[in-house]
Amino acid sequence: MNMKNQASQQMFLDFNREFAGVTVTGDMITINVPSQKSLELAKEKKIPLINLCPPRIKPSDFFAVLNKVAGIVRKYKPELKDELSGFLAALPGEVEAQELFVSQAFTPGANLTEKIEGDISPETLTFLLSHTVKPFMKEYGRIMSSYYDPEQWLKGTCPVCGGKPTFSLLNKDAGTRYLYCGLCEVKWRYRRLGCPYCGDNESQFFTVEGLEKYRVYFCDKCRGYIKTINGKILSESYLANDSLDLFWEDVNTVQLDLLAMQEGYFNQRVD
């Protein structure tokens, strides 16, 4: 690995360590608890919970987190300082407009680029908003954990937010596979083999010397890949006390992402 890649990976790790300190509490999120009938219908139709009972966030809480995230981005990407300042200055000021903006930030598929008058690139805007939404979605995922069965979802998208998985885990004992959502950090069971992105039954994997506990599954049909940690070869101490944190497993294996992308594969969470 060359010095430039090492420096980039270290900055990526440092950014995520600081970003992990941005947290929200359950009282910042309001939901309308769905009826049992609605939950049964959602389960039958495989509808993610966010479509049934989306989180409601106070604009003041959302924009406070947004400013924290912008400060971290500015620290590690100082070249974006002016772009971020222009974006923050262009945010809606009226209460009604703020509420609409926040609501759309949590609406799957919504395009907020058109709502911003500041000169900010779509890439920077997407990065900033996704990292602002994430702490809320992580807490939302915790709140909604009693409203779905992770063993029965068996779909290639998240039962909470409908997002695509970013990582997966092979269970130590049964060899079952669990997909992991990098946005709301929930896990759910999926079939042992096959691509979670396109549903193809065929998939292959590669490993890297020195990182044998990880596999990178790739699909030649859709060119997607997903990193996987093999619980079968993890030590008991590694698994003790629920210390296995898939967020950090994902972050700490960015070199595997680079290898997969060099071979022409991509993680389809960015679709």
Protein backbone atom coordinates (compact mmCIF):
# COMPACT_ATOMS: atom_id res chain seq x y z
CA MET A 1 0.00 0.00 0.00
CA ASN A 2 1.46 3.37 -0.98
CA MET A 3 1.79 6.34 1.34
CA LYS A 4 -1.09 8.23 -0.28
CA ASN A 5 -3.50 5.33 0.26
CA GLN A 6 -2.30 4.90 3.85
CA ALA A 7 -2.89 8.59 4.57
CA SER A 8 -6.36 8.46 2.98
CA GLN A 9 -7.34 5.39 4.97
CA GLN A 10 -6.09 6.94 8.21
CA MET A 11 -8.12 10.08 7.54
CA PHE A 12 -11.15 7.89 6.83
CA LEU A 13 -10.70 6.09 10.16
CA ASP A 14 -10.17 9.33 12.08
CA PHE A 15 -13.26 10.88 10.51
CA ASN A 16 -15.41 7.91 11.48
CA ARG A 17 -14.07 7.85 15.04
CA GLU A 18 -15.13 11.45 15.47
CA PHE A 19 -18.39 10.93 13.60
CA ALA A 20 -19.27 8.00 15.89
CA GLY A 21 -19.38 10.50 18.75
CA VAL A 22 -22.37 12.25 17.16
CA THR A 23 -25.32 10.59 18.85
CA VAL A 24 -29.02 11.21 19.33
CA THR A 25 -31.46 10.03 21.99
CA GLY A 26 -34.83 8.37 21.71
CA ASP A 27 -36.69 11.49 22.82
CA MET A 28 -35.52 13.23 19.64
CA ILE A 29 -37.57 10.82 17.54
CA THR A 30 -41.35 10.55 17.40
CA ILE A 31 -43.26 7.78 15.64
CA ASN A 32 -46.91 6.91 15.24
CA VAL A 33 -47.03 3.34 16.52
CA PRO A 34 -48.57 1.19 13.77
CA SER A 35 -51.53 -1.08 14.38
CA GLN A 36 -51.02 -4.83 14.48
CA LYS A 37 -53.00 -5.12 11.26
CA SER A 38 -50.68 -2.66 9.53
CA LEU A 39 -47.63 -4.52 10.81
CA GLU A 40 -48.99 -7.82 9.52
CA LEU A 41 -49.64 -6.27 6.12
CA ALA A 42 -46.14 -4.78 6.02
CA LYS A 43 -44.69 -8.17 6.91
CA GLU A 44 -46.72 -9.92 4.22
CA LYS A 45 -45.90 -7.35 1.52
CA LYS A 46 -42.27 -6.93 2.67
CA ILE A 47 -42.75 -3.19 3.22
CA PRO A 48 -39.96 -1.51 5.24
CA LEU A 49 -41.11 0.10 8.47
CA ILE A 50 -40.03 3.59 7.42
CA ASN A 51 -42.79 3.52 4.79
CA LEU A 52 -45.31 2.58 7.47
CA CYS A 53 -44.31 4.86 10.34
CA PRO A 54 -41.49 7.24 9.38
CA PRO A 55 -39.53 8.98 12.13
CA ARG A 56 -40.49 12.56 12.91
CA ILE A 57 -37.64 14.80 13.94
CA LYS A 58 -37.73 18.35 15.28
CA PRO A 59 -35.95 20.71 12.87
CA SER A 60 -33.92 22.16 15.76
CA ASP A 61 -32.53 18.71 16.60
CA PHE A 62 -31.86 17.84 12.96
CA PHE A 63 -30.03 21.07 12.18
CA ALA A 64 -28.00 20.83 15.39
CA VAL A 65 -26.71 17.43 14.26
CA LEU A 66 -26.22 18.73 10.73
CA ASN A 67 -23.97 21.50 12.02
CA LYS A 68 -21.94 19.01 14.07
CA VAL A 69 -21.43 16.78 11.04
CA ALA A 70 -20.54 19.76 8.86
CA GLY A 71 -17.91 20.76 11.42
CA ILE A 72 -16.33 17.30 11.27
CA VAL A 73 -16.37 17.29 7.47
CA ARG A 74 -14.79 20.74 7.44
CA LYS A 75 -12.04 19.51 9.75
CA TYR A 76 -11.06 16.57 7.55
CA LYS A 77 -11.89 18.18 4.21
CA PRO A 78 -10.88 21.84 4.64
CA GLU A 79 -11.13 22.37 0.89
CA LEU A 80 -14.93 22.10 1.31
CA LYS A 81 -15.08 24.95 3.84
CA ASP A 82 -16.60 27.55 1.50
CA GLU A 83 -18.95 25.02 -0.08
CA LEU A 84 -20.25 23.94 3.33
CA SER A 85 -20.61 27.52 4.58
CA GLY A 86 -22.67 28.41 1.51
CA PHE A 87 -24.87 25.37 2.01
CA LEU A 88 -25.51 26.09 5.69
CA ALA A 89 -26.34 29.71 4.91
CA ALA A 90 -28.87 28.59 2.29
CA LEU A 91 -30.81 26.25 4.59
CA PRO A 92 -34.49 27.16 5.03
CA GLY A 93 -35.24 29.63 7.79
CA GLU A 94 -39.01 29.47 8.05
CA VAL A 95 -40.44 26.79 10.34
CA GLU A 96 -42.72 25.29 7.71
CA ALA A 97 -39.90 25.05 5.16
CA GLN A 98 -37.59 23.53 7.78
CA GLU A 99 -40.15 20.87 8.67
CA LEU A 100 -40.58 19.97 5.01
CA PHE A 101 -36.82 19.78 4.48
CA VAL A 102 -36.34 17.48 7.48
CA SER A 103 -39.28 15.30 6.50
CA GLN A 104 -37.85 14.83 3.01
CA ALA A 105 -34.42 14.02 4.43
CA PHE A 106 -36.00 10.86 5.88
CA THR A 107 -38.08 10.03 2.81
CA PRO A 108 -36.51 7.24 0.73
CA GLY A 109 -35.79 8.43 -2.79
CA ALA A 110 -36.39 12.13 -2.08
CA ASN A 111 -34.10 14.54 -3.96
CA LEU A 112 -33.11 17.48 -1.78
CA THR A 113 -30.65 18.90 -4.31
CA GLU A 114 -33.43 20.96 -5.85
CA LYS A 115 -34.33 22.42 -2.44
CA ILE A 116 -30.90 23.96 -1.85
CA GLU A 117 -29.94 27.30 -3.35
CA GLY A 118 -26.34 27.24 -2.12
CA ASP A 119 -23.50 26.20 -4.44
CA ILE A 120 -22.85 22.69 -3.18
CA SER A 121 -22.04 19.64 -5.28
CA PRO A 122 -24.52 16.73 -5.27
CA GLU A 123 -21.75 14.47 -3.93
CA THR A 124 -20.99 16.72 -0.96
CA LEU A 125 -24.69 17.24 -0.24
CA THR A 126 -25.39 13.50 -0.32
CA PHE A 127 -22.44 12.77 1.97
CA LEU A 128 -23.40 15.48 4.45
CA LEU A 129 -27.09 14.58 4.61
CA SER A 130 -26.52 10.82 4.80
CA HIS A 131 -24.18 11.31 7.76
CA THR A 132 -26.67 13.66 9.42
CA VAL A 133 -29.53 11.23 8.96
CA LYS A 134 -27.52 8.22 10.14
CA PRO A 135 -27.46 8.89 13.93
CA PHE A 136 -31.23 9.37 13.86
CA MET A 137 -31.74 6.23 11.80
CA LYS A 138 -29.54 4.20 14.13
CA GLU A 139 -31.75 5.21 17.06
CA TYR A 140 -34.87 4.68 14.94
CA GLY A 141 -33.65 1.16 14.16
CA ARG A 142 -33.27 0.48 17.88
CA ILE A 143 -36.77 1.81 18.62
CA MET A 144 -38.34 -0.26 15.84
CA SER A 145 -36.57 -3.51 16.75
CA SER A 146 -39.67 -4.96 18.39
CA TYR A 147 -41.84 -4.40 15.31
CA TYR A 148 -40.23 -6.90 12.95
CA ASP A 149 -38.64 -10.35 13.07
CA PRO A 150 -35.07 -10.30 11.73
CA GLU A 151 -35.22 -14.08 11.28
CA GLN A 152 -38.21 -13.91 8.94
CA TRP A 153 -37.50 -10.90 6.70
CA LEU A 154 -35.26 -12.83 4.27
CA LYS A 155 -35.03 -9.99 1.77
CA GLY A 156 -32.03 -8.22 0.25
CA THR A 157 -33.07 -4.83 1.63
CA CYS A 158 -33.33 -3.53 5.19
CA PRO A 159 -36.61 -4.23 7.06
CA VAL A 160 -36.39 -0.84 8.78
CA CYS A 161 -35.30 1.67 6.13
CA GLY A 162 -35.41 -0.34 2.90
CA GLY A 163 -31.74 0.38 2.23
CA LYS A 164 -29.26 -2.02 0.68
CA PRO A 165 -26.87 -3.90 2.97
CA THR A 166 -23.30 -2.73 3.38
CA PHE A 167 -21.83 -5.73 5.20
CA SER A 168 -22.76 -9.24 6.30
CA LEU A 169 -22.03 -11.80 8.98
CA LEU A 170 -21.76 -15.57 8.74
CA ASN A 171 -23.09 -16.93 12.01
CA LYS A 172 -20.56 -18.91 14.05
CA ASP A 173 -22.76 -21.86 14.94
CA ALA A 174 -25.37 -22.42 12.25
CA GLY A 175 -23.55 -20.89 9.31
CA THR A 176 -26.55 -18.68 8.58
CA ARG A 177 -25.95 -15.29 7.02
CA TYR A 178 -27.12 -11.94 8.34
CA LEU A 179 -27.07 -8.77 6.28
CA TYR A 180 -26.22 -5.46 7.93
CA CYS A 181 -27.58 -2.01 7.09
CA GLY A 182 -24.94 0.68 7.35
CA LEU A 183 -27.59 3.38 7.80
CA CYS A 184 -29.74 2.15 10.70
CA GLU A 185 -27.31 -0.58 11.82
CA VAL A 186 -29.83 -3.41 12.02
CA LYS A 187 -29.14 -7.03 11.03
CA TRP A 188 -31.51 -9.49 9.40
CA ARG A 189 -31.28 -13.02 8.14
CA TYR A 190 -30.79 -13.78 4.46
CA ARG A 191 -30.18 -16.97 2.53
CA ARG A 192 -26.72 -18.44 2.93
CA LEU A 193 -25.63 -18.07 -0.70
CA GLY A 194 -26.53 -15.66 -3.47
CA CYS A 195 -26.33 -11.95 -4.22
CA PRO A 196 -28.50 -9.74 -1.98
CA TYR A 197 -28.44 -6.96 -4.58
CA CYS A 198 -29.78 -8.64 -7.72
CA GLY A 199 -31.00 -11.91 -6.19
CA ASP A 200 -28.86 -14.11 -8.40
CA ASN A 201 -28.18 -17.52 -6.87
CA GLU A 202 -24.55 -17.60 -7.94
CA SER A 203 -21.85 -15.79 -6.01
CA GLN A 204 -18.14 -16.22 -5.40
CA PHE A 205 -15.78 -14.79 -2.81
CA PHE A 206 -12.15 -13.98 -2.30
CA THR A 207 -10.05 -13.65 0.84
CA VAL A 208 -6.83 -11.78 1.54
CA GLU A 209 -3.81 -13.17 3.34
CA GLY A 210 -3.71 -11.90 6.91
CA LEU A 211 -7.44 -11.06 6.81
CA GLU A 212 -8.80 -14.60 6.56
CA LYS A 213 -11.76 -13.88 8.84
CA TYR A 214 -13.18 -11.69 6.07
CA ARG A 215 -14.63 -12.73 2.74
CA VAL A 216 -15.61 -10.47 -0.12
CA TYR A 217 -18.54 -11.98 -2.01
CA PHE A 218 -18.93 -10.71 -5.55
CA CYS A 219 -21.54 -11.15 -8.25
CA ASP A 220 -20.64 -11.31 -11.93
CA LYS A 221 -24.24 -10.63 -12.93
CA CYS A 222 -24.69 -7.19 -11.34
CA ARG A 223 -21.00 -6.52 -10.47
CA GLY A 224 -21.90 -5.94 -6.85
CA TYR A 225 -19.86 -7.03 -3.84
CA ILE A 226 -20.39 -7.28 -0.11
CA LYS A 227 -17.80 -7.71 2.62
CA THR A 228 -18.51 -10.50 5.08
CA ILE A 229 -17.02 -11.51 8.40
CA ASN A 230 -16.82 -15.25 8.95
CA GLY A 231 -18.01 -15.95 12.49
CA LYS A 232 -16.88 -19.55 12.23
CA ILE A 233 -13.23 -18.61 12.60
CA LEU A 234 -13.58 -15.83 15.15
CA SER A 235 -12.24 -16.43 18.66
CA GLU A 236 -14.62 -16.67 21.61
CA SER A 237 -13.13 -13.52 23.12
CA TYR A 238 -13.81 -11.66 19.88
CA LEU A 239 -17.47 -12.60 20.06
CA ALA A 240 -17.87 -12.17 23.83
CA ASN A 241 -20.22 -9.58 25.30
CA ASP A 242 -21.60 -8.66 21.88
CA SER A 243 -18.35 -6.84 21.14
CA LEU A 244 -18.62 -7.55 17.42
CA ASP A 245 -19.51 -4.15 15.97
CA LEU A 246 -20.28 -4.41 12.27
CA PHE A 247 -20.03 -0.64 11.81
CA TRP A 248 -16.35 -0.80 12.76
CA GLU A 249 -15.79 -4.06 10.91
CA ASP A 250 -16.98 -2.23 7.80
CA VAL A 251 -14.90 0.89 8.46
CA ASN A 252 -11.74 -1.04 9.36
CA THR A 253 -11.79 -3.11 6.17
CA VAL A 254 -11.81 -0.29 3.62
CA GLN A 255 -8.80 -1.92 1.96
CA LEU A 256 -11.09 -4.76 0.90
CA ASP A 257 -13.39 -2.22 -0.75
CA LEU A 258 -10.44 -0.87 -2.71
CA LEU A 259 -9.46 -4.35 -3.88
CA ALA A 260 -13.00 -5.15 -5.01
CA MET A 261 -13.35 -1.86 -6.86
CA GLN A 262 -10.01 -2.39 -8.58
CA GLU A 263 -11.50 -5.57 -10.02
CA GLY A 264 -14.52 -3.68 -11.35
CA TYR A 265 -17.03 -4.48 -8.62
CA PHE A 266 -18.95 -1.95 -6.54
CA ASN A 267 -21.00 -1.94 -3.38
CA GLN A 268 -24.54 -1.38 -4.55
CA ARG A 269 -25.58 0.59 -1.48
CA VAL A 270 -24.70 3.68 -3.54
CA ASP A 271 -27.20 2.82 -6.29
